[in-house]
Structure formats: C-alpha cells, structure tokens
PDB file of all heavy atoms in Angstrom:
ATOM      1  N   VAL A   1     107.045  37.508 -91.325  1.00  0.00           N
ATOM      2  CA  VAL A   1     107.286  38.015 -92.682  1.00  0.00           C
ATOM      3  C   VAL A   1     108.141  39.315 -92.601  1.00  0.00           C
ATOM      4  O   VAL A   1     109.091  39.480 -93.376  1.00  0.00           O
ATOM      5  CB  VAL A   1     105.955  38.278 -93.437  1.00  0.00           C
ATOM      6  CG1 VAL A   1     106.199  38.973 -94.758  1.00  0.00           C
ATOM      7  CG2 VAL A   1     105.218  36.954 -93.667  1.00  0.00           C
ATOM      8  N   THR A   2     107.817  40.180 -91.664  1.00  0.00           N
ATOM      9  CA  THR A   2     108.548  41.456 -91.536  1.00  0.00           C
ATOM     10  C   THR A   2     109.882  41.282 -90.868  1.00  0.00           C
ATOM     11  O   THR A   2     110.657  42.216 -90.747  1.00  0.00           O
ATOM     12  CB  THR A   2     107.709  42.509 -90.781  1.00  0.00           C
ATOM     13  OG1 THR A   2     107.408  41.987 -89.488  1.00  0.00           O
ATOM     14  CG2 THR A   2     106.438  42.866 -91.491  1.00  0.00           C
ATOM     15  N   ASN A   3     110.177  40.052 -90.372  1.00  0.00           N
ATOM     16  CA  ASN A   3     111.447  39.715 -89.707  1.00  0.00           C
ATOM     17  C   ASN A   3     111.661  40.571 -88.442  1.00  0.00           C
ATOM     18  O   ASN A   3     112.780  40.969 -88.152  1.00  0.00           O
ATOM     19  CB  ASN A   3     112.603  39.875 -90.682  1.00  0.00           C
ATOM     20  CG  ASN A   3     113.538  38.659 -90.576  1.00  0.00           C
ATOM     21  OD1 ASN A   3     113.322  37.743 -89.783  1.00  0.00           O
ATOM     22  ND2 ASN A   3     114.623  38.704 -91.346  1.00  0.00           N
ATOM     23  N   THR A   4     110.586  40.854 -87.725  1.00  0.00           N
ATOM     24  CA  THR A   4     110.710  41.622 -86.477  1.00  0.00           C
ATOM     25  C   THR A   4     110.494  40.717 -85.281  1.00  0.00           C
ATOM     26  O   THR A   4     110.133  41.189 -84.201  1.00  0.00           O
ATOM     27  CB  THR A   4     109.684  42.777 -86.471  1.00  0.00           C
ATOM     28  OG1 THR A   4     108.395  42.236 -86.778  1.00  0.00           O
ATOM     29  CG2 THR A   4     110.033  43.878 -87.448  1.00  0.00           C
ATOM     30  N   HIS A   5     110.698  39.408 -85.478  1.00  0.00           N
ATOM     31  CA  HIS A   5     110.549  38.461 -84.362  1.00  0.00           C
ATOM     32  C   HIS A   5     111.911  38.235 -83.715  1.00  0.00           C
ATOM     33  O   HIS A   5     112.935  38.662 -84.227  1.00  0.00           O
ATOM     34  CB  HIS A   5     109.979  37.142 -84.861  1.00  0.00           C
ATOM     35  CG  HIS A   5     110.858  36.457 -85.890  1.00  0.00           C
ATOM     36  ND1 HIS A   5     111.930  35.682 -85.539  1.00  0.00           N
ATOM     37  CD2 HIS A   5     110.810  36.495 -87.259  1.00  0.00           C
ATOM     38  CE1 HIS A   5     112.522  35.265 -86.630  1.00  0.00           C
ATOM     39  NE2 HIS A   5     111.884  35.727 -87.713  1.00  0.00           N
ATOM     40  N   SER A   6     111.918  37.573 -82.554  1.00  0.00           N
ATOM     41  CA  SER A   6     113.176  37.325 -81.851  1.00  0.00           C
ATOM     42  C   SER A   6     113.372  35.818 -81.680  1.00  0.00           C
ATOM     43  O   SER A   6     113.937  35.358 -80.677  1.00  0.00           O
ATOM     44  CB  SER A   6     113.153  38.003 -80.497  1.00  0.00           C
ATOM     45  OG  SER A   6     111.903  37.783 -79.851  1.00  0.00           O
ATOM     46  N   CYS A   7     112.900  35.030 -82.648  1.00  0.00           N
ATOM     47  CA  CYS A   7     113.052  33.575 -82.593  1.00  0.00           C
ATOM     48  C   CYS A   7     114.518  33.207 -82.834  1.00  0.00           C
ATOM     49  O   CYS A   7     115.244  33.900 -83.540  1.00  0.00           O
ATOM     50  CB  CYS A   7     112.196  32.878 -83.636  1.00  0.00           C
ATOM     51  SG  CYS A   7     110.421  33.064 -83.375  1.00  0.00           S
ATOM     52  N   ASN A   8     114.887  32.056 -82.229  1.00  0.00           N
ATOM     53  CA  ASN A   8     116.243  31.517 -82.401  1.00  0.00           C
ATOM     54  C   ASN A   8     116.467  31.151 -83.873  1.00  0.00           C
ATOM     55  O   ASN A   8     115.536  30.870 -84.603  1.00  0.00           O
ATOM     56  CB  ASN A   8     116.386  30.274 -81.510  1.00  0.00           C
ATOM     57  CG  ASN A   8     117.805  29.792 -81.453  1.00  0.00           C
ATOM     58  OD1 ASN A   8     118.244  29.062 -82.329  1.00  0.00           O
ATOM     59  ND2 ASN A   8     118.511  30.160 -80.411  1.00  0.00           N
ATOM     60  N   LEU A   9     117.727  31.154 -84.275  1.00  0.00           N
ATOM     61  CA  LEU A   9     118.119  30.786 -85.642  1.00  0.00           C
ATOM     62  C   LEU A   9     117.623  29.382 -85.969  1.00  0.00           C
ATOM     63  O   LEU A   9     117.300  29.106 -87.116  1.00  0.00           O
ATOM     64  CB  LEU A   9     119.666  30.865 -85.702  1.00  0.00           C
ATOM     65  CG  LEU A   9     120.299  30.741 -87.088  1.00  0.00           C
ATOM     66  CD1 LEU A   9     119.900  31.957 -87.958  1.00  0.00           C
ATOM     67  CD2 LEU A   9     121.809  30.664 -86.959  1.00  0.00           C
ATOM     68  N   HIS A  10     117.553  28.506 -84.944  1.00  0.00           N
ATOM     69  CA  HIS A  10     117.125  27.124 -85.158  1.00  0.00           C
ATOM     70  C   HIS A  10     115.677  26.926 -84.756  1.00  0.00           C
ATOM     71  O   HIS A  10     115.275  25.881 -84.276  1.00  0.00           O
ATOM     72  CB  HIS A  10     118.032  26.144 -84.368  1.00  0.00           C
ATOM     73  CG  HIS A  10     119.484  26.295 -84.728  1.00  0.00           C
ATOM     74  ND1 HIS A  10     120.015  25.994 -85.953  1.00  0.00           N
ATOM     75  CD2 HIS A  10     120.516  26.830 -83.990  1.00  0.00           C
ATOM     76  CE1 HIS A  10     121.315  26.270 -85.957  1.00  0.00           C
ATOM     77  NE2 HIS A  10     121.643  26.796 -84.795  1.00  0.00           N
ATOM     78  N   ALA A  11     114.878  27.971 -84.919  1.00  0.00           N
ATOM     79  CA  ALA A  11     113.445  27.902 -84.551  1.00  0.00           C
ATOM     80  C   ALA A  11     112.607  28.399 -85.690  1.00  0.00           C
ATOM     81  O   ALA A  11     113.041  29.161 -86.557  1.00  0.00           O
ATOM     82  CB  ALA A  11     113.172  28.724 -83.309  1.00  0.00           C
ATOM     83  N   GLU A  12     111.338  27.958 -85.695  1.00  0.00           N
ATOM     84  CA  GLU A  12     110.373  28.405 -86.691  1.00  0.00           C
ATOM     85  C   GLU A  12     109.556  29.510 -86.051  1.00  0.00           C
ATOM     86  O   GLU A  12     109.193  29.442 -84.878  1.00  0.00           O
ATOM     87  CB  GLU A  12     109.418  27.259 -87.054  1.00  0.00           C
ATOM     88  CG  GLU A  12     109.941  26.323 -88.130  1.00  0.00           C
ATOM     89  CD  GLU A  12     108.957  25.189 -88.338  1.00  0.00           C
ATOM     90  OE1 GLU A  12     107.825  25.483 -88.802  1.00  0.00           O
ATOM     91  OE2 GLU A  12     109.328  24.047 -88.057  1.00  0.00           O
ATOM     92  N   CYS A  13     109.220  30.517 -86.828  1.00  0.00           N
ATOM     93  CA  CYS A  13     108.365  31.597 -86.362  1.00  0.00           C
ATOM     94  C   CYS A  13     106.937  31.312 -86.796  1.00  0.00           C
ATOM     95  O   CYS A  13     106.658  30.956 -87.933  1.00  0.00           O
ATOM     96  CB  CYS A  13     108.857  32.928 -86.929  1.00  0.00           C
ATOM     97  SG  CYS A  13     107.775  34.323 -86.521  1.00  0.00           S
ATOM     98  N   LEU A  14     105.992  31.398 -85.856  1.00  0.00           N
ATOM     99  CA  LEU A  14     104.552  31.201 -86.164  1.00  0.00           C
ATOM    100  C   LEU A  14     103.800  32.457 -85.819  1.00  0.00           C
ATOM    101  O   LEU A  14     103.819  32.899 -84.667  1.00  0.00           O
ATOM    102  CB  LEU A  14     104.010  29.999 -85.317  1.00  0.00           C
ATOM    103  CG  LEU A  14     104.812  28.696 -85.422  1.00  0.00           C
ATOM    104  CD1 LEU A  14     104.462  27.770 -84.266  1.00  0.00           C
ATOM    105  CD2 LEU A  14     104.481  28.004 -86.747  1.00  0.00           C
ATOM    106  N   ASN A  15     103.182  33.057 -86.831  1.00  0.00           N
ATOM    107  CA  ASN A  15     102.442  34.307 -86.590  1.00  0.00           C
ATOM    108  C   ASN A  15     101.148  34.016 -85.819  1.00  0.00           C
ATOM    109  O   ASN A  15     100.460  33.027 -86.066  1.00  0.00           O
ATOM    110  CB  ASN A  15     102.114  34.977 -87.905  1.00  0.00           C
ATOM    111  CG  ASN A  15     101.501  36.363 -87.697  1.00  0.00           C
ATOM    112  OD1 ASN A  15     102.026  37.175 -86.938  1.00  0.00           O
ATOM    113  ND2 ASN A  15     100.381  36.602 -88.326  1.00  0.00           N
ATOM    114  N   THR A  16     100.816  34.904 -84.872  1.00  0.00           N
ATOM    115  CA  THR A  16      99.534  34.830 -84.138  1.00  0.00           C
ATOM    116  C   THR A  16      98.907  36.196 -84.216  1.00  0.00           C
ATOM    117  O   THR A  16      99.550  37.183 -84.575  1.00  0.00           O
ATOM    118  CB  THR A  16      99.739  34.426 -82.662  1.00  0.00           C
ATOM    119  OG1 THR A  16     100.520  35.458 -82.035  1.00  0.00           O
ATOM    120  CG2 THR A  16     100.426  33.091 -82.486  1.00  0.00           C
ATOM    121  N   GLU A  17      97.628  36.293 -83.866  1.00  0.00           N
ATOM    122  CA  GLU A  17      96.906  37.586 -83.874  1.00  0.00           C
ATOM    123  C   GLU A  17      97.546  38.543 -82.881  1.00  0.00           C
ATOM    124  O   GLU A  17      97.524  38.297 -81.682  1.00  0.00           O
ATOM    125  CB  GLU A  17      95.448  37.310 -83.556  1.00  0.00           C
ATOM    126  CG  GLU A  17      94.491  38.435 -83.948  1.00  0.00           C
ATOM    127  CD  GLU A  17      94.456  38.778 -85.426  1.00  0.00           C
ATOM    128  OE1 GLU A  17      94.605  37.872 -86.281  1.00  0.00           O
ATOM    129  OE2 GLU A  17      94.273  39.948 -85.739  1.00  0.00           O
ATOM    130  N   GLY A  18      98.210  39.597 -83.385  1.00  0.00           N
ATOM    131  CA  GLY A  18      98.805  40.607 -82.507  1.00  0.00           C
ATOM    132  C   GLY A  18     100.189  40.245 -81.956  1.00  0.00           C
ATOM    133  O   GLY A  18     100.815  41.019 -81.278  1.00  0.00           O
ATOM    134  N   SER A  19     100.668  39.013 -82.264  1.00  0.00           N
ATOM    135  CA  SER A  19     101.956  38.591 -81.733  1.00  0.00           C
ATOM    136  C   SER A  19     102.558  37.490 -82.625  1.00  0.00           C
ATOM    137  O   SER A  19     102.241  37.377 -83.801  1.00  0.00           O
ATOM    138  CB  SER A  19     101.786  38.129 -80.292  1.00  0.00           C
ATOM    139  OG  SER A  19     103.062  37.882 -79.703  1.00  0.00           O
ATOM    140  N   PHE A  20     103.445  36.646 -82.020  1.00  0.00           N
ATOM    141  CA  PHE A  20     104.037  35.524 -82.713  1.00  0.00           C
ATOM    142  C   PHE A  20     104.519  34.501 -81.682  1.00  0.00           C
ATOM    143  O   PHE A  20     104.627  34.796 -80.505  1.00  0.00           O
ATOM    144  CB  PHE A  20     105.221  35.978 -83.589  1.00  0.00           C
ATOM    145  CG  PHE A  20     106.355  36.559 -82.809  1.00  0.00           C
ATOM    146  CD1 PHE A  20     107.436  35.758 -82.419  1.00  0.00           C
ATOM    147  CD2 PHE A  20     106.361  37.884 -82.409  1.00  0.00           C
ATOM    148  CE1 PHE A  20     108.499  36.295 -81.665  1.00  0.00           C
ATOM    149  CE2 PHE A  20     107.398  38.420 -81.641  1.00  0.00           C
ATOM    150  CZ  PHE A  20     108.470  37.613 -81.277  1.00  0.00           C
ATOM    151  N   LYS A  21     104.786  33.280 -82.161  1.00  0.00           N
ATOM    152  CA  LYS A  21     105.317  32.221 -81.316  1.00  0.00           C
ATOM    153  C   LYS A  21     106.562  31.651 -81.992  1.00  0.00           C
ATOM    154  O   LYS A  21     106.694  31.707 -83.202  1.00  0.00           O
ATOM    155  CB  LYS A  21     104.286  31.101 -81.124  1.00  0.00           C
ATOM    156  CG  LYS A  21     103.184  31.460 -80.133  1.00  0.00           C
ATOM    157  CD  LYS A  21     102.203  30.300 -79.973  1.00  0.00           C
ATOM    158  CE  LYS A  21     101.125  30.709 -78.966  1.00  0.00           C
ATOM    159  NZ  LYS A  21      99.897  29.995 -79.195  1.00  0.00           N
ATOM    160  N   CYS A  22     107.451  31.062 -81.185  1.00  0.00           N
ATOM    161  CA  CYS A  22     108.636  30.423 -81.705  1.00  0.00           C
ATOM    162  C   CYS A  22     108.669  28.957 -81.308  1.00  0.00           C
ATOM    163  O   CYS A  22     108.326  28.630 -80.170  1.00  0.00           O
ATOM    164  CB  CYS A  22     109.888  31.112 -81.151  1.00  0.00           C
ATOM    165  SG  CYS A  22     109.959  32.882 -81.478  1.00  0.00           S
ATOM    166  N   LYS A  23     109.020  28.094 -82.248  1.00  0.00           N
ATOM    167  CA  LYS A  23     109.053  26.655 -81.966  1.00  0.00           C
ATOM    168  C   LYS A  23     110.367  26.113 -82.527  1.00  0.00           C
ATOM    169  O   LYS A  23     110.692  26.313 -83.713  1.00  0.00           O
ATOM    170  CB  LYS A  23     107.867  25.974 -82.658  1.00  0.00           C
ATOM    171  CG  LYS A  23     107.700  24.528 -82.290  1.00  0.00           C
ATOM    172  CD  LYS A  23     106.470  23.955 -83.009  1.00  0.00           C
ATOM    173  CE  LYS A  23     106.442  22.445 -82.796  1.00  0.00           C
ATOM    174  NZ  LYS A  23     105.873  21.740 -83.928  1.00  0.00           N
ATOM    175  N   CYS A  24     111.158  25.447 -81.663  1.00  0.00           N
ATOM    176  CA  CYS A  24     112.432  24.900 -82.078  1.00  0.00           C
ATOM    177  C   CYS A  24     112.247  23.888 -83.221  1.00  0.00           C
ATOM    178  O   CYS A  24     111.294  23.116 -83.203  1.00  0.00           O
ATOM    179  CB  CYS A  24     113.180  24.238 -80.935  1.00  0.00           C
ATOM    180  SG  CYS A  24     113.739  25.442 -79.688  1.00  0.00           S
ATOM    181  N   LYS A  25     113.129  23.953 -84.210  1.00  0.00           N
ATOM    182  CA  LYS A  25     113.045  23.035 -85.352  1.00  0.00           C
ATOM    183  C   LYS A  25     113.367  21.608 -84.879  1.00  0.00           C
ATOM    184  O   LYS A  25     113.948  21.418 -83.803  1.00  0.00           O
ATOM    185  CB  LYS A  25     114.032  23.454 -86.436  1.00  0.00           C
ATOM    186  CG  LYS A  25     113.635  24.744 -87.156  1.00  0.00           C
ATOM    187  CD  LYS A  25     114.669  25.161 -88.183  1.00  0.00           C
ATOM    188  CE  LYS A  25     114.273  26.495 -88.816  1.00  0.00           C
ATOM    189  NZ  LYS A  25     115.388  27.045 -89.610  1.00  0.00           N
ATOM    190  N   GLN A  26     113.007  20.633 -85.717  1.00  0.00           N
ATOM    191  CA  GLN A  26     113.277  19.221 -85.427  1.00  0.00           C
ATOM    192  C   GLN A  26     114.783  19.003 -85.144  1.00  0.00           C
ATOM    193  O   GLN A  26     115.626  19.551 -85.847  1.00  0.00           O
ATOM    194  CB  GLN A  26     112.821  18.349 -86.599  1.00  0.00           C
ATOM    195  CG  GLN A  26     111.888  17.266 -86.140  1.00  0.00           C
ATOM    196  CD  GLN A  26     111.410  16.407 -87.328  1.00  0.00           C
ATOM    197  OE1 GLN A  26     111.322  16.917 -88.452  1.00  0.00           O
ATOM    198  NE2 GLN A  26     111.093  15.187 -87.092  1.00  0.00           N
ATOM    199  N   GLY A  27     115.035  18.251 -84.085  1.00  0.00           N
ATOM    200  CA  GLY A  27     116.422  17.986 -83.698  1.00  0.00           C
ATOM    201  C   GLY A  27     116.946  18.966 -82.695  1.00  0.00           C
ATOM    202  O   GLY A  27     118.067  18.866 -82.193  1.00  0.00           O
ATOM    203  N   TYR A  28     116.121  20.002 -82.359  1.00  0.00           N
ATOM    204  CA  TYR A  28     116.510  20.995 -81.356  1.00  0.00           C
ATOM    205  C   TYR A  28     115.449  21.032 -80.283  1.00  0.00           C
ATOM    206  O   TYR A  28     114.285  20.691 -80.533  1.00  0.00           O
ATOM    207  CB  TYR A  28     116.629  22.393 -82.002  1.00  0.00           C
ATOM    208  CG  TYR A  28     117.808  22.529 -82.910  1.00  0.00           C
ATOM    209  CD1 TYR A  28     117.687  22.232 -84.263  1.00  0.00           C
ATOM    210  CD2 TYR A  28     119.019  22.999 -82.440  1.00  0.00           C
ATOM    211  CE1 TYR A  28     118.762  22.327 -85.126  1.00  0.00           C
ATOM    212  CE2 TYR A  28     120.117  23.117 -83.295  1.00  0.00           C
ATOM    213  CZ  TYR A  28     120.008  22.789 -84.627  1.00  0.00           C
ATOM    214  OH  TYR A  28     121.058  22.937 -85.458  1.00  0.00           O
TER     215      TYR A  28
END
C-alpha cells in the first residue's frame, strides 16, 4: 500500500507480517 516494495512491474505484491512477498503475474 505504501509502495515501498521492490517487486517487478509485472509482479504482484503480497503483504506479510513485517515484510512482503512478490509473485510474478500470470504469463510471467
């Protein structure tokens, strides 16, 4: 939400407790 993640432009950001995860979008 705060946009302080470093996920790829073609990835989804998933918030976790104290951190975050990145997952490539479909087709990537």
